[in-house]
């Protein structure tokens, strides 16, 4: 995720990771992944449903 980006401070790195995580967990696939984990089942990824 942070390949090619070298934050000068650890706090900057955590801030970048927080921003990226929030973005990815907020989308449809992120929500499905968290639901599947909580329900102890395999996720039904959106990209699989498009095939």
Protein backbone atom coordinates (compact mmCIF):
# COMPACT_ATOMS: atom_id res chain seq x y z
CA UNK A 1 0.00 0.00 0.00
CA UNK A 2 2.73 2.40 0.88
CA UNK A 3 5.25 1.15 -1.66
CA UNK A 4 7.11 4.07 -3.14
CA UNK A 5 6.05 6.38 -0.34
CA UNK A 6 8.45 6.93 2.53
CA UNK A 7 6.93 9.10 5.23
CA UNK A 8 9.50 11.04 7.21
CA UNK A 9 7.85 10.26 10.55
CA UNK A 10 6.15 7.18 11.96
CA UNK A 11 3.09 9.29 12.78
CA UNK A 12 2.84 10.26 9.10
CA UNK A 13 2.99 6.58 8.12
CA UNK A 14 0.19 5.71 10.55
CA UNK A 15 -1.91 8.61 9.26
CA UNK A 16 -1.48 7.39 5.67
CA UNK A 17 -2.34 3.81 6.66
CA UNK A 18 -5.43 4.98 8.54
CA UNK A 19 -6.63 6.93 5.51
CA UNK A 20 -6.09 3.99 3.15
CA UNK A 21 -7.69 1.48 5.53
CA UNK A 22 -10.77 3.65 6.04
CA UNK A 23 -11.17 4.02 2.27
CA UNK A 24 -10.86 0.29 1.58
CA UNK A 25 -13.00 -0.94 4.47
CA UNK A 26 -15.76 1.52 3.56
CA UNK A 27 -16.31 0.14 0.06
CA UNK A 28 -18.65 -2.75 -0.78
CA UNK A 29 -15.94 -5.42 -0.84
CA UNK A 30 -14.47 -4.21 2.44
CA UNK A 31 -17.89 -4.42 4.08
CA UNK A 32 -18.45 -7.92 2.68
CA UNK A 33 -15.06 -9.04 3.95
CA UNK A 34 -15.79 -7.81 7.46
CA UNK A 35 -19.29 -9.38 7.45
CA UNK A 36 -17.91 -12.71 6.23
CA UNK A 37 -15.21 -12.69 8.90
CA UNK A 38 -17.73 -11.92 11.65
CA UNK A 39 -20.09 -14.63 10.35
CA UNK A 40 -17.20 -17.12 9.96
CA UNK A 41 -17.89 -17.77 6.27
CA UNK A 42 -16.11 -17.27 2.98
CA UNK A 43 -16.72 -13.84 1.46
CA UNK A 44 -18.85 -13.44 -1.65
CA UNK A 45 -16.63 -10.90 -3.39
CA UNK A 46 -18.29 -8.44 -5.75
CA UNK A 47 -15.80 -9.25 -8.53
CA UNK A 48 -16.81 -12.94 -8.31
CA UNK A 49 -20.47 -11.99 -8.73
CA UNK A 50 -19.70 -10.17 -11.99
CA UNK A 51 -18.45 -13.30 -13.79
